[in-house]
Amino acid sequence: MPSQLRTAWIWAYHDGTSGMTIDIEKQRLEWFVEIGCACGDSSLDQSYAEFLQRGAPVGGVPDDILSEIEYAVRQLKATG
């Protein structure tokens, strides 16, 4: 994994908080909608290819965060 590559994000959405982590071993993105605890259960998950083709499966992700996620996914996909 490239050094200093971010693999987790959190952002405010409506009156709640949402987030996303990249599971590098499974090569999956795990999306958390209206998180309230670190329970470990994602609301949605998708492959790297799905994300690059379709984008985020949830609304409200800020553009700067989407750009960071896309960069990370492309880097991870390139490194295998």
N, C-alpha and C. Protein backbone atom coordinates (compact mmCIF):
# COMPACT_ATOMS: atom_id res chain seq x y z
N MET A 1 0.85 -1.18 0.00
CA MET A 1 0.00 0.00 0.00
C MET A 1 0.89 1.23 0.00
N PRO A 2 0.59 2.22 -0.84
CA PRO A 2 1.37 3.46 -0.83
C PRO A 2 1.33 4.09 0.55
N SER A 3 2.47 4.62 0.99
CA SER A 3 2.52 5.21 2.32
C SER A 3 1.60 6.43 2.40
N GLN A 4 1.05 6.64 3.55
CA GLN A 4 0.17 7.78 3.82
C GLN A 4 -1.13 7.78 3.01
N LEU A 5 -1.54 6.64 2.52
CA LEU A 5 -2.79 6.56 1.77
C LEU A 5 -3.95 6.43 2.75
N ARG A 6 -4.87 7.35 2.67
CA ARG A 6 -6.04 7.33 3.55
C ARG A 6 -6.99 6.22 3.12
N THR A 7 -7.55 5.50 4.10
CA THR A 7 -8.49 4.42 3.80
C THR A 7 -9.78 4.51 4.62
N ALA A 8 -10.01 5.64 5.28
CA ALA A 8 -11.25 5.82 6.05
C ALA A 8 -11.63 7.29 6.05
N TRP A 9 -12.94 7.54 5.96
CA TRP A 9 -13.47 8.89 5.94
C TRP A 9 -14.75 8.94 6.77
N ILE A 10 -15.06 10.14 7.27
CA ILE A 10 -16.30 10.37 8.01
C ILE A 10 -16.76 11.78 7.67
N TRP A 11 -18.07 11.98 7.55
CA TRP A 11 -18.60 13.30 7.21
C TRP A 11 -20.00 13.46 7.79
N ALA A 12 -20.38 14.73 7.98
CA ALA A 12 -21.72 15.04 8.47
C ALA A 12 -22.68 14.97 7.29
N TYR A 13 -23.86 14.41 7.55
CA TYR A 13 -24.89 14.33 6.51
C TYR A 13 -26.25 14.49 7.18
N HIS A 14 -26.97 15.50 6.75
CA HIS A 14 -28.23 15.88 7.40
C HIS A 14 -27.95 16.08 8.89
N ASP A 15 -28.67 15.39 9.74
CA ASP A 15 -28.46 15.53 11.18
C ASP A 15 -27.62 14.38 11.74
N GLY A 16 -26.99 13.61 10.87
CA GLY A 16 -26.23 12.45 11.31
C GLY A 16 -24.81 12.47 10.79
N THR A 17 -24.19 11.33 10.87
CA THR A 17 -22.82 11.15 10.43
C THR A 17 -22.75 9.89 9.58
N SER A 18 -22.05 9.98 8.47
CA SER A 18 -21.84 8.82 7.61
C SER A 18 -20.34 8.62 7.43
N GLY A 19 -19.95 7.48 6.90
CA GLY A 19 -18.54 7.22 6.72
C GLY A 19 -18.29 6.09 5.74
N MET A 20 -17.01 5.85 5.47
CA MET A 20 -16.62 4.80 4.54
C MET A 20 -15.22 4.35 4.90
N THR A 21 -14.99 3.04 4.82
CA THR A 21 -13.66 2.49 4.99
C THR A 21 -13.36 1.58 3.80
N ILE A 22 -12.08 1.44 3.52
CA ILE A 22 -11.65 0.50 2.48
C ILE A 22 -11.06 -0.71 3.18
N ASP A 23 -11.62 -1.87 2.89
CA ASP A 23 -11.07 -3.13 3.39
C ASP A 23 -10.08 -3.60 2.33
N ILE A 24 -8.80 -3.37 2.58
CA ILE A 24 -7.76 -3.67 1.59
C ILE A 24 -7.66 -5.16 1.32
N GLU A 25 -7.79 -5.98 2.35
CA GLU A 25 -7.69 -7.44 2.15
C GLU A 25 -8.81 -7.97 1.25
N LYS A 26 -10.02 -7.48 1.46
CA LYS A 26 -11.17 -7.94 0.66
C LYS A 26 -11.33 -7.14 -0.63
N GLN A 27 -10.59 -6.04 -0.76
CA GLN A 27 -10.69 -5.13 -1.90
C GLN A 27 -12.13 -4.64 -2.07
N ARG A 28 -12.70 -4.17 -0.96
CA ARG A 28 -14.08 -3.69 -0.93
C ARG A 28 -14.16 -2.35 -0.22
N LEU A 29 -15.13 -1.54 -0.60
CA LEU A 29 -15.46 -0.31 0.08
C LEU A 29 -16.66 -0.61 0.97
N GLU A 30 -16.59 -0.22 2.23
CA GLU A 30 -17.67 -0.45 3.18
C GLU A 30 -18.25 0.90 3.59
N TRP A 31 -19.50 1.13 3.25
CA TRP A 31 -20.17 2.40 3.49
C TRP A 31 -21.04 2.30 4.74
N PHE A 32 -20.99 3.31 5.58
CA PHE A 32 -21.74 3.36 6.83
C PHE A 32 -22.64 4.59 6.79
N VAL A 33 -23.95 4.38 6.87
CA VAL A 33 -24.92 5.47 6.80
C VAL A 33 -25.48 5.70 8.19
N GLU A 34 -25.47 6.97 8.61
CA GLU A 34 -25.98 7.36 9.92
C GLU A 34 -25.38 6.50 11.03
N ILE A 35 -24.06 6.52 11.08
CA ILE A 35 -23.36 5.72 12.08
C ILE A 35 -23.56 6.33 13.46
N GLY A 36 -23.62 5.48 14.45
CA GLY A 36 -23.77 5.95 15.81
C GLY A 36 -22.79 5.26 16.74
N CYS A 37 -22.20 4.19 16.25
CA CYS A 37 -21.22 3.46 17.03
C CYS A 37 -20.29 2.72 16.09
N ALA A 38 -19.22 2.24 16.61
CA ALA A 38 -18.27 1.47 15.80
C ALA A 38 -18.65 -0.01 15.88
N CYS A 39 -19.80 -0.35 15.33
CA CYS A 39 -20.32 -1.70 15.44
C CYS A 39 -19.69 -2.68 14.46
N GLY A 40 -19.08 -2.17 13.41
CA GLY A 40 -18.41 -3.04 12.46
C GLY A 40 -19.29 -3.56 11.35
N ASP A 41 -20.54 -3.15 11.28
CA ASP A 41 -21.44 -3.61 10.23
C ASP A 41 -21.69 -2.46 9.25
N SER A 42 -21.27 -2.64 8.01
CA SER A 42 -21.49 -1.60 7.01
C SER A 42 -22.92 -1.66 6.50
N SER A 43 -23.41 -0.51 6.05
CA SER A 43 -24.74 -0.45 5.46
C SER A 43 -24.73 -1.01 4.05
N LEU A 44 -23.67 -0.72 3.32
CA LEU A 44 -23.51 -1.15 1.93
C LEU A 44 -22.04 -1.43 1.68
N ASP A 45 -21.77 -2.31 0.74
CA ASP A 45 -20.38 -2.48 0.34
C ASP A 45 -20.33 -2.66 -1.17
N GLN A 46 -19.15 -2.38 -1.74
CA GLN A 46 -18.99 -2.50 -3.17
C GLN A 46 -17.52 -2.75 -3.50
N SER A 47 -17.30 -3.31 -4.68
CA SER A 47 -15.94 -3.59 -5.13
C SER A 47 -15.31 -2.29 -5.64
N TYR A 48 -14.00 -2.35 -5.83
CA TYR A 48 -13.29 -1.21 -6.42
C TYR A 48 -13.88 -0.87 -7.79
N ALA A 49 -14.08 -1.90 -8.63
CA ALA A 49 -14.59 -1.68 -9.98
C ALA A 49 -15.98 -1.04 -9.96
N GLU A 50 -16.85 -1.52 -9.07
CA GLU A 50 -18.19 -0.94 -8.96
C GLU A 50 -18.11 0.54 -8.61
N PHE A 51 -17.25 0.88 -7.66
CA PHE A 51 -17.12 2.29 -7.26
C PHE A 51 -16.62 3.13 -8.42
N LEU A 52 -15.59 2.66 -9.12
CA LEU A 52 -15.04 3.44 -10.22
C LEU A 52 -16.02 3.59 -11.37
N GLN A 53 -16.90 2.62 -11.55
CA GLN A 53 -17.88 2.67 -12.62
C GLN A 53 -19.12 3.49 -12.23
N ARG A 54 -19.61 3.29 -11.00
CA ARG A 54 -20.91 3.87 -10.60
C ARG A 54 -20.83 4.99 -9.58
N GLY A 55 -19.70 5.11 -8.90
CA GLY A 55 -19.60 6.11 -7.84
C GLY A 55 -20.14 5.61 -6.52
N ALA A 56 -20.34 6.52 -5.61
CA ALA A 56 -20.80 6.17 -4.27
C ALA A 56 -22.25 5.68 -4.29
N PRO A 57 -22.55 4.62 -3.52
CA PRO A 57 -23.92 4.10 -3.48
C PRO A 57 -24.81 4.86 -2.49
N VAL A 58 -24.26 5.88 -1.87
CA VAL A 58 -25.01 6.69 -0.90
C VAL A 58 -24.90 8.16 -1.30
N GLY A 59 -25.86 8.94 -0.88
CA GLY A 59 -25.83 10.37 -1.17
C GLY A 59 -25.13 11.14 -0.07
N GLY A 60 -24.85 12.39 -0.37
CA GLY A 60 -24.31 13.29 0.64
C GLY A 60 -22.82 13.25 0.86
N VAL A 61 -22.08 12.51 0.02
CA VAL A 61 -20.63 12.46 0.19
C VAL A 61 -20.05 13.73 -0.43
N PRO A 62 -19.34 14.54 0.35
CA PRO A 62 -18.76 15.77 -0.19
C PRO A 62 -17.81 15.48 -1.36
N ASP A 63 -17.77 16.40 -2.31
CA ASP A 63 -16.94 16.22 -3.51
C ASP A 63 -15.47 15.99 -3.20
N ASP A 64 -14.94 16.71 -2.21
CA ASP A 64 -13.51 16.54 -1.89
C ASP A 64 -13.24 15.14 -1.34
N ILE A 65 -14.18 14.60 -0.58
CA ILE A 65 -14.01 13.25 -0.05
C ILE A 65 -14.14 12.22 -1.18
N LEU A 66 -15.09 12.42 -2.07
CA LEU A 66 -15.23 11.51 -3.22
C LEU A 66 -13.94 11.48 -4.03
N SER A 67 -13.32 12.62 -4.22
CA SER A 67 -12.06 12.68 -4.96
C SER A 67 -10.96 11.91 -4.25
N GLU A 68 -10.89 12.05 -2.93
CA GLU A 68 -9.89 11.32 -2.15
C GLU A 68 -10.13 9.80 -2.22
N ILE A 69 -11.40 9.41 -2.12
CA ILE A 69 -11.73 7.98 -2.19
C ILE A 69 -11.34 7.42 -3.56
N GLU A 70 -11.68 8.15 -4.62
CA GLU A 70 -11.34 7.69 -5.97
C GLU A 70 -9.83 7.55 -6.12
N TYR A 71 -9.08 8.51 -5.63
CA TYR A 71 -7.63 8.44 -5.71
C TYR A 71 -7.11 7.19 -4.98
N ALA A 72 -7.60 6.97 -3.76
CA ALA A 72 -7.16 5.82 -2.98
C ALA A 72 -7.49 4.51 -3.68
N VAL A 73 -8.71 4.40 -4.20
CA VAL A 73 -9.13 3.18 -4.88
C VAL A 73 -8.26 2.92 -6.11
N ARG A 74 -8.00 3.96 -6.88
CA ARG A 74 -7.16 3.79 -8.07
C ARG A 74 -5.74 3.34 -7.68
N GLN A 75 -5.20 3.91 -6.61
CA GLN A 75 -3.86 3.53 -6.16
C GLN A 75 -3.85 2.07 -5.69
N LEU A 76 -4.85 1.70 -4.91
CA LEU A 76 -4.91 0.33 -4.40
C LEU A 76 -5.14 -0.68 -5.52
N LYS A 77 -5.97 -0.31 -6.47
CA LYS A 77 -6.23 -1.20 -7.60
C LYS A 77 -4.95 -1.40 -8.43
N ALA A 78 -4.19 -0.35 -8.58
CA ALA A 78 -2.95 -0.42 -9.38
C ALA A 78 -1.86 -1.25 -8.69
N THR A 79 -1.87 -1.26 -7.34
CA THR A 79 -0.85 -1.97 -6.62
C THR A 79 -1.26 -3.40 -6.27
N GLY A 80 -2.50 -3.72 -6.64
CA GLY A 80 -2.91 -5.10 -6.55
C GLY A 80 -3.65 -5.57 -5.41
